[in-house]
C-alpha cells in the first residue's frame, strides 16, 4: 500500500489514545458500579453525550445548508409539479 507507514502510525496513535481513555473511564466506572446493581449511573457518559450533541456552525454554514437543500429539492419539487400538471390536464 502507498501510505502504509502513515496508516500504521495513525493506528498506533489511535490505539494509544483509546487505551488512555479506557483507563480513565474504567477508573470512574469502578467507583460508581455496584456488583448487585444491573444498571449503573455514569456521569461522564452523560456529559460526553451532551458534548457530542452540540454542533458548532461557522458564519456561512447555515446559508450553505439552505442553498444546498434548495439545489437538491427544487428539481424534485419541479418534477412533481410537472407531473401533477400533466395529470390534471389529461
N, C-alpha and C. Protein backbone atom coordinates (compact mmCIF):
# COMPACT_ATOMS: atom_id res chain seq x y z
N UNK A 1 0.84 -1.17 0.00
CA UNK A 1 0.00 0.00 0.00
C UNK A 1 0.90 1.25 0.00
N UNK A 2 0.39 2.33 -0.58
CA UNK A 2 1.21 3.52 -0.73
C UNK A 2 1.53 4.19 0.60
N UNK A 3 0.56 4.34 1.45
CA UNK A 3 0.73 5.09 2.68
C UNK A 3 0.70 4.18 3.90
N UNK A 4 1.31 3.00 3.79
CA UNK A 4 1.25 2.03 4.87
C UNK A 4 1.90 2.56 6.15
N UNK A 5 3.01 3.27 6.04
CA UNK A 5 3.68 3.78 7.25
C UNK A 5 2.81 4.84 7.94
N UNK A 6 2.16 5.69 7.17
CA UNK A 6 1.27 6.69 7.76
C UNK A 6 0.07 6.02 8.42
N UNK A 7 -0.46 5.00 7.76
CA UNK A 7 -1.60 4.26 8.31
C UNK A 7 -1.21 3.56 9.61
N UNK A 8 -0.04 2.93 9.63
CA UNK A 8 0.42 2.26 10.85
C UNK A 8 0.63 3.25 11.98
N UNK A 9 1.20 4.40 11.67
CA UNK A 9 1.44 5.42 12.69
C UNK A 9 0.12 5.96 13.24
N UNK A 10 -0.86 6.19 12.36
CA UNK A 10 -2.16 6.68 12.80
C UNK A 10 -2.88 5.64 13.65
N UNK A 11 -2.80 4.37 13.27
CA UNK A 11 -3.45 3.32 14.04
C UNK A 11 -2.79 3.16 15.41
N UNK A 12 -1.47 3.29 15.48
CA UNK A 12 -0.78 3.20 16.77
C UNK A 12 -1.18 4.37 17.67
N UNK A 13 -1.30 5.57 17.09
CA UNK A 13 -1.72 6.73 17.87
C UNK A 13 -3.14 6.54 18.39
N UNK A 14 -4.03 6.05 17.54
CA UNK A 14 -5.42 5.83 17.93
C UNK A 14 -5.52 4.77 19.02
N UNK A 15 -4.74 3.71 18.90
CA UNK A 15 -4.74 2.65 19.90
C UNK A 15 -4.25 3.19 21.24
N UNK A 16 -3.21 4.01 21.22
CA UNK A 16 -2.69 4.60 22.45
C UNK A 16 -3.71 5.56 23.07
N UNK A 17 -4.36 6.35 22.24
CA UNK A 17 -5.37 7.30 22.73
C UNK A 17 -6.54 6.56 23.36
N UNK A 18 -7.00 5.49 22.71
CA UNK A 18 -8.12 4.72 23.24
C UNK A 18 -7.75 4.00 24.53
N UNK A 19 -6.50 3.57 24.64
CA UNK A 19 -6.06 2.91 25.86
C UNK A 19 -6.10 3.89 27.04
N UNK A 20 -5.63 5.12 26.81
CA UNK A 20 -5.67 6.13 27.87
C UNK A 20 -7.11 6.46 28.26
N UNK A 21 -7.98 6.62 27.28
CA UNK A 21 -9.38 6.95 27.55
C UNK A 21 -10.07 5.79 28.27
N UNK A 22 -9.74 4.56 27.89
CA UNK A 22 -10.36 3.39 28.52
C UNK A 22 -9.95 3.29 29.98
N UNK A 23 -8.68 3.59 30.28
CA UNK A 23 -8.24 3.51 31.67
C UNK A 23 -8.91 4.59 32.52
N UNK A 24 -9.13 5.78 31.96
CA UNK A 24 -9.82 6.85 32.69
C UNK A 24 -11.26 6.45 32.96
N UNK A 25 -11.95 5.96 31.93
CA UNK A 25 -13.35 5.55 32.08
C UNK A 25 -13.48 4.37 33.02
N UNK A 26 -12.54 3.45 32.98
CA UNK A 26 -12.61 2.27 33.82
C UNK A 26 -12.46 2.66 35.29
N UNK A 27 -11.58 3.60 35.60
CA UNK A 27 -11.41 4.04 36.98
C UNK A 27 -12.67 4.74 37.48
N UNK A 28 -13.29 5.58 36.66
CA UNK A 28 -14.51 6.27 37.06
C UNK A 28 -15.66 5.29 37.24
N UNK A 29 -15.75 4.31 36.36
CA UNK A 29 -16.84 3.34 36.42
C UNK A 29 -16.70 2.44 37.64
N UNK A 30 -15.48 2.10 38.01
CA UNK A 30 -15.28 1.23 39.17
C UNK A 30 -15.76 1.90 40.44
N UNK A 31 -15.65 3.21 40.53
CA UNK A 31 -16.12 3.90 41.72
C UNK A 31 -17.63 3.87 41.83
N UNK A 32 -18.33 3.95 40.71
CA UNK A 32 -19.79 4.07 40.72
C UNK A 32 -20.47 2.72 40.64
N UNK A 33 -19.87 1.75 39.97
CA UNK A 33 -20.53 0.48 39.69
C UNK A 33 -20.61 -0.38 40.94
N UNK A 34 -21.78 -0.93 41.15
CA UNK A 34 -22.00 -1.85 42.26
C UNK A 34 -22.36 -3.19 41.64
N UNK A 35 -21.74 -4.26 42.10
CA UNK A 35 -21.96 -5.58 41.52
C UNK A 35 -23.41 -6.03 41.62
N UNK A 36 -24.14 -5.58 42.64
CA UNK A 36 -25.52 -6.01 42.84
C UNK A 36 -26.49 -5.29 41.91
N UNK A 37 -26.08 -4.19 41.36
CA UNK A 37 -26.98 -3.42 40.50
C UNK A 37 -26.83 -3.86 39.05
N UNK A 38 -27.96 -3.93 38.37
CA UNK A 38 -27.91 -4.24 36.94
C UNK A 38 -27.62 -2.98 36.13
N UNK A 39 -28.14 -1.87 36.58
CA UNK A 39 -27.91 -0.59 35.93
C UNK A 39 -27.04 0.26 36.82
N UNK A 40 -26.20 1.05 36.21
CA UNK A 40 -25.39 1.98 36.99
C UNK A 40 -25.35 3.31 36.27
N UNK A 41 -25.11 4.34 37.02
CA UNK A 41 -25.11 5.71 36.50
C UNK A 41 -23.67 6.14 36.29
N UNK A 42 -23.39 6.59 35.08
CA UNK A 42 -22.06 7.08 34.75
C UNK A 42 -22.18 8.55 34.35
N UNK A 43 -21.82 9.48 35.22
CA UNK A 43 -21.98 10.90 34.88
C UNK A 43 -21.11 11.34 33.72
N UNK A 44 -19.96 10.70 33.53
CA UNK A 44 -19.10 11.07 32.41
C UNK A 44 -19.76 10.74 31.08
N UNK A 45 -20.49 9.63 31.03
CA UNK A 45 -21.16 9.25 29.78
C UNK A 45 -22.23 10.27 29.42
N UNK A 46 -22.95 10.76 30.41
CA UNK A 46 -23.97 11.77 30.15
C UNK A 46 -23.32 13.06 29.66
N UNK A 47 -22.23 13.45 30.29
CA UNK A 47 -21.53 14.67 29.91
C UNK A 47 -20.98 14.55 28.49
N UNK A 48 -20.40 13.40 28.16
CA UNK A 48 -19.85 13.20 26.82
C UNK A 48 -20.96 13.18 25.77
N UNK A 49 -22.11 12.61 26.10
CA UNK A 49 -23.23 12.59 25.16
C UNK A 49 -23.72 14.01 24.88
N UNK A 50 -23.81 14.84 25.92
CA UNK A 50 -24.23 16.22 25.73
C UNK A 50 -23.21 16.99 24.90
N UNK A 51 -21.94 16.72 25.12
CA UNK A 51 -20.89 17.41 24.39
C UNK A 51 -20.91 17.03 22.91
N UNK A 52 -21.20 15.76 22.61
CA UNK A 52 -21.22 15.30 21.22
C UNK A 52 -22.46 15.80 20.48
N UNK A 53 -23.53 16.12 21.20
CA UNK A 53 -24.75 16.60 20.55
C UNK A 53 -24.63 18.03 20.05
N UNK A 54 -23.73 18.79 20.61
CA UNK A 54 -23.58 20.19 20.23
C UNK A 54 -22.88 20.28 18.87
N UNK A 55 -23.50 21.00 17.95
CA UNK A 55 -22.92 21.21 16.63
C UNK A 55 -22.58 22.69 16.52
N UNK A 56 -21.33 22.97 16.29
CA UNK A 56 -20.89 24.36 16.17
C UNK A 56 -20.81 24.72 14.69
N UNK A 57 -21.62 25.68 14.28
CA UNK A 57 -21.63 26.13 12.89
C UNK A 57 -20.82 27.41 12.76
N UNK A 58 -20.12 27.53 11.66
CA UNK A 58 -19.38 28.75 11.40
C UNK A 58 -20.30 29.77 10.75
N UNK A 59 -19.74 30.91 10.39
CA UNK A 59 -20.54 32.05 9.95
C UNK A 59 -21.43 31.74 8.75
N UNK A 60 -20.91 31.14 7.70
CA UNK A 60 -21.70 30.93 6.48
C UNK A 60 -22.28 29.54 6.34
N UNK A 61 -22.18 28.72 7.37
CA UNK A 61 -22.63 27.34 7.25
C UNK A 61 -24.14 27.21 7.08
N UNK A 62 -24.91 27.99 7.81
CA UNK A 62 -26.36 27.89 7.72
C UNK A 62 -26.85 28.28 6.32
N UNK A 63 -26.28 29.33 5.76
CA UNK A 63 -26.64 29.74 4.40
C UNK A 63 -26.26 28.65 3.40
N UNK A 64 -25.12 28.03 3.58
CA UNK A 64 -24.69 26.96 2.68
C UNK A 64 -25.62 25.75 2.77
N UNK A 65 -26.09 25.44 3.97
CA UNK A 65 -27.03 24.33 4.15
C UNK A 65 -28.34 24.62 3.45
N UNK A 66 -28.83 25.85 3.58
CA UNK A 66 -30.10 26.23 2.95
C UNK A 66 -29.98 26.19 1.43
N UNK A 67 -28.89 26.73 0.89
CA UNK A 67 -28.69 26.74 -0.56
C UNK A 67 -28.57 25.31 -1.09
N UNK A 68 -27.82 24.46 -0.41
CA UNK A 68 -27.67 23.08 -0.88
C UNK A 68 -28.99 22.33 -0.81
N UNK A 69 -29.79 22.57 0.22
CA UNK A 69 -31.11 21.93 0.30
C UNK A 69 -31.99 22.40 -0.84
N UNK A 70 -31.93 23.68 -1.15
CA UNK A 70 -32.71 24.22 -2.27
C UNK A 70 -32.28 23.59 -3.58
N UNK A 71 -30.98 23.45 -3.79
CA UNK A 71 -30.48 22.85 -5.03
C UNK A 71 -30.84 21.38 -5.15
N UNK A 72 -30.94 20.70 -4.03
CA UNK A 72 -31.27 19.28 -4.07
C UNK A 72 -32.76 19.07 -4.27
N UNK A 73 -33.58 19.80 -3.51
CA UNK A 73 -35.01 19.52 -3.51
C UNK A 73 -35.80 20.27 -4.58
N UNK A 74 -35.30 21.38 -5.09
CA UNK A 74 -36.07 22.13 -6.08
C UNK A 74 -36.30 21.36 -7.38
N UNK A 75 -35.34 20.64 -7.94
CA UNK A 75 -35.64 19.85 -9.15
C UNK A 75 -36.68 18.75 -8.88
N UNK A 76 -36.62 18.15 -7.72
CA UNK A 76 -37.60 17.12 -7.38
C UNK A 76 -38.99 17.71 -7.29
N UNK A 77 -39.11 18.85 -6.63
CA UNK A 77 -40.42 19.51 -6.49
C UNK A 77 -40.93 19.97 -7.86
N UNK A 78 -40.06 20.52 -8.69
CA UNK A 78 -40.47 20.94 -10.03
C UNK A 78 -40.95 19.75 -10.87
N UNK A 79 -40.27 18.64 -10.76
CA UNK A 79 -40.67 17.43 -11.48
C UNK A 79 -42.04 16.94 -11.00
N UNK A 80 -42.28 16.96 -9.70
CA UNK A 80 -43.58 16.54 -9.17
C UNK A 80 -44.69 17.50 -9.60
N UNK A 81 -44.40 18.79 -9.62
CA UNK A 81 -45.39 19.77 -10.09
C UNK A 81 -45.70 19.54 -11.56
N UNK A 82 -44.69 19.26 -12.37
CA UNK A 82 -44.89 18.98 -13.79
C UNK A 82 -45.77 17.75 -13.98
N UNK A 83 -45.53 16.70 -13.23
CA UNK A 83 -46.37 15.50 -13.31
C UNK A 83 -47.79 15.82 -12.89
N UNK A 84 -47.96 16.61 -11.84
CA UNK A 84 -49.30 16.99 -11.37
C UNK A 84 -50.05 17.78 -12.45
N UNK A 85 -49.37 18.70 -13.09
CA UNK A 85 -49.99 19.50 -14.16
C UNK A 85 -50.40 18.60 -15.33
N UNK A 86 -49.53 17.68 -15.72
CA UNK A 86 -49.86 16.77 -16.82
C UNK A 86 -51.03 15.86 -16.48
N UNK A 87 -51.11 15.40 -15.25
CA UNK A 87 -52.20 14.52 -14.84
C UNK A 87 -53.52 15.28 -14.81
N UNK A 88 -53.50 16.51 -14.34
CA UNK A 88 -54.73 17.31 -14.26
C UNK A 88 -55.24 17.64 -15.66
N UNK A 89 -54.37 17.94 -16.61
CA UNK A 89 -54.79 18.30 -17.97
C UNK A 89 -55.32 17.09 -18.73
N UNK A 90 -54.84 15.92 -18.42
CA UNK A 90 -55.30 14.73 -19.15
C UNK A 90 -56.51 14.23 -18.47
